[in-house]
Amino acid sequence: MQIVISRPYDDKEIVDTYVVDHDSKDKDFEVDWLKALETIQEKDPEYNVSQILVALKRKGWQIMHVSPVKVTY
């Protein structure tokens, strides 16, 4: 299991937090994320993160969205 933190819409205070896992433990979430992002950006330049998550779930990723977290710098 991995924890993934994503800052939506370049927000300076809120980050989305996900817990992700894949049955195949040798899968790299970041590599799969970037591939999905590239594919979706080509089809829809105004994409959103939920489109990427759907694509990753189709590739076998189990993704649980945890409540957003407010951060301070």
N, C-alpha and C. Protein backbone atom coordinates (compact mmCIF):
# COMPACT_ATOMS: atom_id res chain seq x y z
N MET A 1 0.83 -1.17 0.00
CA MET A 1 0.00 0.00 0.00
C MET A 1 0.88 1.24 0.00
N GLN A 2 0.40 2.26 -0.71
CA GLN A 2 1.12 3.52 -0.77
C GLN A 2 0.17 4.67 -0.45
N ILE A 3 0.70 5.75 0.05
CA ILE A 3 -0.07 6.96 0.24
C ILE A 3 0.33 7.93 -0.87
N VAL A 4 -0.67 8.50 -1.53
CA VAL A 4 -0.43 9.43 -2.62
C VAL A 4 -1.07 10.76 -2.24
N ILE A 5 -0.31 11.83 -2.40
CA ILE A 5 -0.82 13.17 -2.11
C ILE A 5 -0.81 13.96 -3.41
N SER A 6 -1.96 14.56 -3.72
CA SER A 6 -2.12 15.31 -4.96
C SER A 6 -2.67 16.69 -4.62
N ARG A 7 -2.08 17.72 -5.18
CA ARG A 7 -2.57 19.07 -4.95
C ARG A 7 -3.48 19.46 -6.11
N PRO A 8 -4.79 19.49 -5.88
CA PRO A 8 -5.71 19.78 -6.98
C PRO A 8 -5.72 21.26 -7.36
N TYR A 9 -5.77 21.52 -8.64
CA TYR A 9 -5.92 22.87 -9.16
C TYR A 9 -4.87 23.84 -8.61
N ASP A 10 -3.70 23.36 -8.31
CA ASP A 10 -2.62 24.19 -7.76
C ASP A 10 -3.06 24.95 -6.51
N ASP A 11 -3.94 24.35 -5.75
CA ASP A 11 -4.37 24.94 -4.49
C ASP A 11 -3.19 24.98 -3.54
N LYS A 12 -3.02 26.04 -2.82
CA LYS A 12 -1.87 26.19 -1.92
C LYS A 12 -2.12 25.61 -0.53
N GLU A 13 -3.39 25.31 -0.20
CA GLU A 13 -3.69 24.83 1.14
C GLU A 13 -4.27 23.43 1.21
N ILE A 14 -4.98 23.00 0.18
CA ILE A 14 -5.67 21.71 0.23
C ILE A 14 -4.92 20.69 -0.62
N VAL A 15 -4.75 19.49 -0.08
CA VAL A 15 -4.21 18.37 -0.86
C VAL A 15 -5.18 17.20 -0.75
N ASP A 16 -5.33 16.47 -1.84
CA ASP A 16 -6.12 15.25 -1.83
C ASP A 16 -5.19 14.11 -1.45
N THR A 17 -5.70 13.21 -0.64
CA THR A 17 -4.90 12.09 -0.16
C THR A 17 -5.57 10.79 -0.58
N TYR A 18 -4.78 9.87 -1.11
CA TYR A 18 -5.28 8.57 -1.57
C TYR A 18 -4.42 7.47 -0.96
N VAL A 19 -5.05 6.35 -0.70
CA VAL A 19 -4.33 5.14 -0.35
C VAL A 19 -4.49 4.23 -1.55
N VAL A 20 -3.38 3.77 -2.12
CA VAL A 20 -3.44 2.97 -3.34
C VAL A 20 -2.70 1.65 -3.14
N ASP A 21 -3.17 0.65 -3.87
CA ASP A 21 -2.53 -0.66 -3.82
C ASP A 21 -2.83 -1.40 -5.11
N HIS A 22 -1.98 -2.35 -5.44
CA HIS A 22 -2.18 -3.17 -6.63
C HIS A 22 -1.82 -4.60 -6.26
N ASP A 23 -2.59 -5.55 -6.78
CA ASP A 23 -2.31 -6.96 -6.48
C ASP A 23 -0.90 -7.35 -6.88
N SER A 24 -0.43 -6.80 -7.99
CA SER A 24 0.93 -7.05 -8.44
C SER A 24 1.84 -6.04 -7.74
N LYS A 25 2.57 -6.48 -6.77
CA LYS A 25 3.36 -5.57 -5.94
C LYS A 25 4.51 -4.89 -6.68
N ASP A 26 4.82 -5.34 -7.89
CA ASP A 26 5.91 -4.71 -8.63
C ASP A 26 5.44 -3.55 -9.50
N LYS A 27 4.15 -3.22 -9.46
CA LYS A 27 3.62 -2.10 -10.22
C LYS A 27 4.06 -0.78 -9.58
N ASP A 28 4.35 0.21 -10.40
CA ASP A 28 4.78 1.52 -9.92
C ASP A 28 3.65 2.52 -10.17
N PHE A 29 3.07 3.02 -9.10
CA PHE A 29 1.92 3.92 -9.22
C PHE A 29 2.27 5.18 -10.01
N GLU A 30 3.42 5.77 -9.74
CA GLU A 30 3.79 7.01 -10.41
C GLU A 30 3.92 6.80 -11.92
N VAL A 31 4.52 5.70 -12.33
CA VAL A 31 4.66 5.40 -13.76
C VAL A 31 3.28 5.24 -14.40
N ASP A 32 2.41 4.48 -13.77
CA ASP A 32 1.06 4.28 -14.31
C ASP A 32 0.27 5.58 -14.31
N TRP A 33 0.44 6.41 -13.27
CA TRP A 33 -0.24 7.71 -13.20
C TRP A 33 0.17 8.59 -14.39
N LEU A 34 1.47 8.68 -14.64
CA LEU A 34 1.97 9.53 -15.72
C LEU A 34 1.52 9.03 -17.09
N LYS A 35 1.48 7.71 -17.28
CA LYS A 35 0.98 7.15 -18.55
C LYS A 35 -0.49 7.49 -18.74
N ALA A 36 -1.29 7.31 -17.69
CA ALA A 36 -2.72 7.62 -17.78
C ALA A 36 -2.93 9.11 -18.03
N LEU A 37 -2.16 9.94 -17.35
CA LEU A 37 -2.25 11.39 -17.53
C LEU A 37 -1.96 11.78 -18.98
N GLU A 38 -0.90 11.23 -19.53
CA GLU A 38 -0.53 11.56 -20.91
C GLU A 38 -1.63 11.15 -21.89
N THR A 39 -2.17 9.96 -21.71
CA THR A 39 -3.23 9.47 -22.60
C THR A 39 -4.47 10.34 -22.50
N ILE A 40 -4.85 10.69 -21.30
CA ILE A 40 -6.07 11.49 -21.09
C ILE A 40 -5.88 12.91 -21.59
N GLN A 41 -4.70 13.49 -21.38
CA GLN A 41 -4.43 14.85 -21.85
C GLN A 41 -4.54 14.94 -23.37
N GLU A 42 -4.13 13.90 -24.07
CA GLU A 42 -4.22 13.90 -25.53
C GLU A 42 -5.67 13.93 -25.98
N LYS A 43 -6.52 13.18 -25.27
CA LYS A 43 -7.94 13.11 -25.63
C LYS A 43 -8.72 14.33 -25.16
N ASP A 44 -8.38 14.84 -23.98
CA ASP A 44 -9.14 15.92 -23.36
C ASP A 44 -8.20 16.85 -22.61
N PRO A 45 -7.79 17.97 -23.26
CA PRO A 45 -6.87 18.89 -22.59
C PRO A 45 -7.43 19.49 -21.30
N GLU A 46 -8.73 19.48 -21.13
CA GLU A 46 -9.35 20.00 -19.91
C GLU A 46 -9.76 18.84 -19.00
N TYR A 47 -8.87 17.89 -18.84
CA TYR A 47 -9.11 16.69 -18.04
C TYR A 47 -9.26 17.04 -16.57
N ASN A 48 -9.70 16.06 -15.78
CA ASN A 48 -9.68 16.22 -14.32
C ASN A 48 -9.12 14.94 -13.70
N VAL A 49 -8.77 15.03 -12.43
CA VAL A 49 -8.11 13.93 -11.75
C VAL A 49 -8.98 12.68 -11.70
N SER A 50 -10.29 12.84 -11.62
CA SER A 50 -11.15 11.66 -11.55
C SER A 50 -11.04 10.81 -12.81
N GLN A 51 -10.77 11.42 -13.96
CA GLN A 51 -10.57 10.65 -15.18
C GLN A 51 -9.32 9.77 -15.07
N ILE A 52 -8.29 10.30 -14.46
CA ILE A 52 -7.05 9.53 -14.28
C ILE A 52 -7.31 8.37 -13.32
N LEU A 53 -8.04 8.64 -12.25
CA LEU A 53 -8.33 7.59 -11.27
C LEU A 53 -9.14 6.45 -11.89
N VAL A 54 -10.09 6.79 -12.74
CA VAL A 54 -10.89 5.75 -13.42
C VAL A 54 -9.98 4.89 -14.29
N ALA A 55 -9.07 5.52 -15.02
CA ALA A 55 -8.15 4.77 -15.88
C ALA A 55 -7.26 3.85 -15.05
N LEU A 56 -6.81 4.32 -13.91
CA LEU A 56 -5.95 3.50 -13.05
C LEU A 56 -6.72 2.33 -12.44
N LYS A 57 -7.97 2.56 -12.08
CA LYS A 57 -8.79 1.47 -11.54
C LYS A 57 -8.98 0.38 -12.60
N ARG A 58 -9.10 0.78 -13.85
CA ARG A 58 -9.23 -0.20 -14.94
C ARG A 58 -7.96 -1.02 -15.09
N LYS A 59 -6.84 -0.48 -14.66
CA LYS A 59 -5.56 -1.20 -14.74
C LYS A 59 -5.28 -2.01 -13.47
N GLY A 60 -6.28 -2.10 -12.60
CA GLY A 60 -6.15 -2.95 -11.43
C GLY A 60 -5.76 -2.25 -10.14
N TRP A 61 -5.62 -0.94 -10.18
CA TRP A 61 -5.27 -0.22 -8.95
C TRP A 61 -6.50 -0.10 -8.06
N GLN A 62 -6.29 -0.34 -6.80
CA GLN A 62 -7.34 -0.13 -5.80
C GLN A 62 -7.04 1.22 -5.17
N ILE A 63 -7.99 2.13 -5.29
CA ILE A 63 -7.76 3.51 -4.86
C ILE A 63 -8.83 3.92 -3.87
N MET A 64 -8.39 4.34 -2.70
CA MET A 64 -9.33 4.82 -1.70
C MET A 64 -9.01 6.30 -1.44
N HIS A 65 -9.99 7.15 -1.67
CA HIS A 65 -9.81 8.58 -1.46
C HIS A 65 -10.07 8.89 0.01
N VAL A 66 -9.09 9.46 0.65
CA VAL A 66 -9.18 9.84 2.05
C VAL A 66 -9.55 11.32 2.08
N SER A 67 -10.15 11.78 3.15
CA SER A 67 -10.57 13.18 3.24
C SER A 67 -9.41 14.12 2.90
N PRO A 68 -9.72 15.22 2.19
CA PRO A 68 -8.68 16.21 1.87
C PRO A 68 -8.03 16.73 3.16
N VAL A 69 -6.80 17.15 3.03
CA VAL A 69 -6.03 17.62 4.17
C VAL A 69 -5.64 19.07 3.92
N LYS A 70 -5.75 19.90 4.93
CA LYS A 70 -5.29 21.29 4.81
C LYS A 70 -3.85 21.34 5.30
N VAL A 71 -3.00 21.96 4.49
CA VAL A 71 -1.59 22.04 4.85
C VAL A 71 -1.19 23.51 5.01
N THR A 72 -0.19 23.73 5.81
CA THR A 72 0.37 25.08 5.95
C THR A 72 1.86 24.99 5.70
N TYR A 73 2.40 26.02 5.15
CA TYR A 73 3.82 26.03 4.80
C TYR A 73 4.56 26.99 5.69
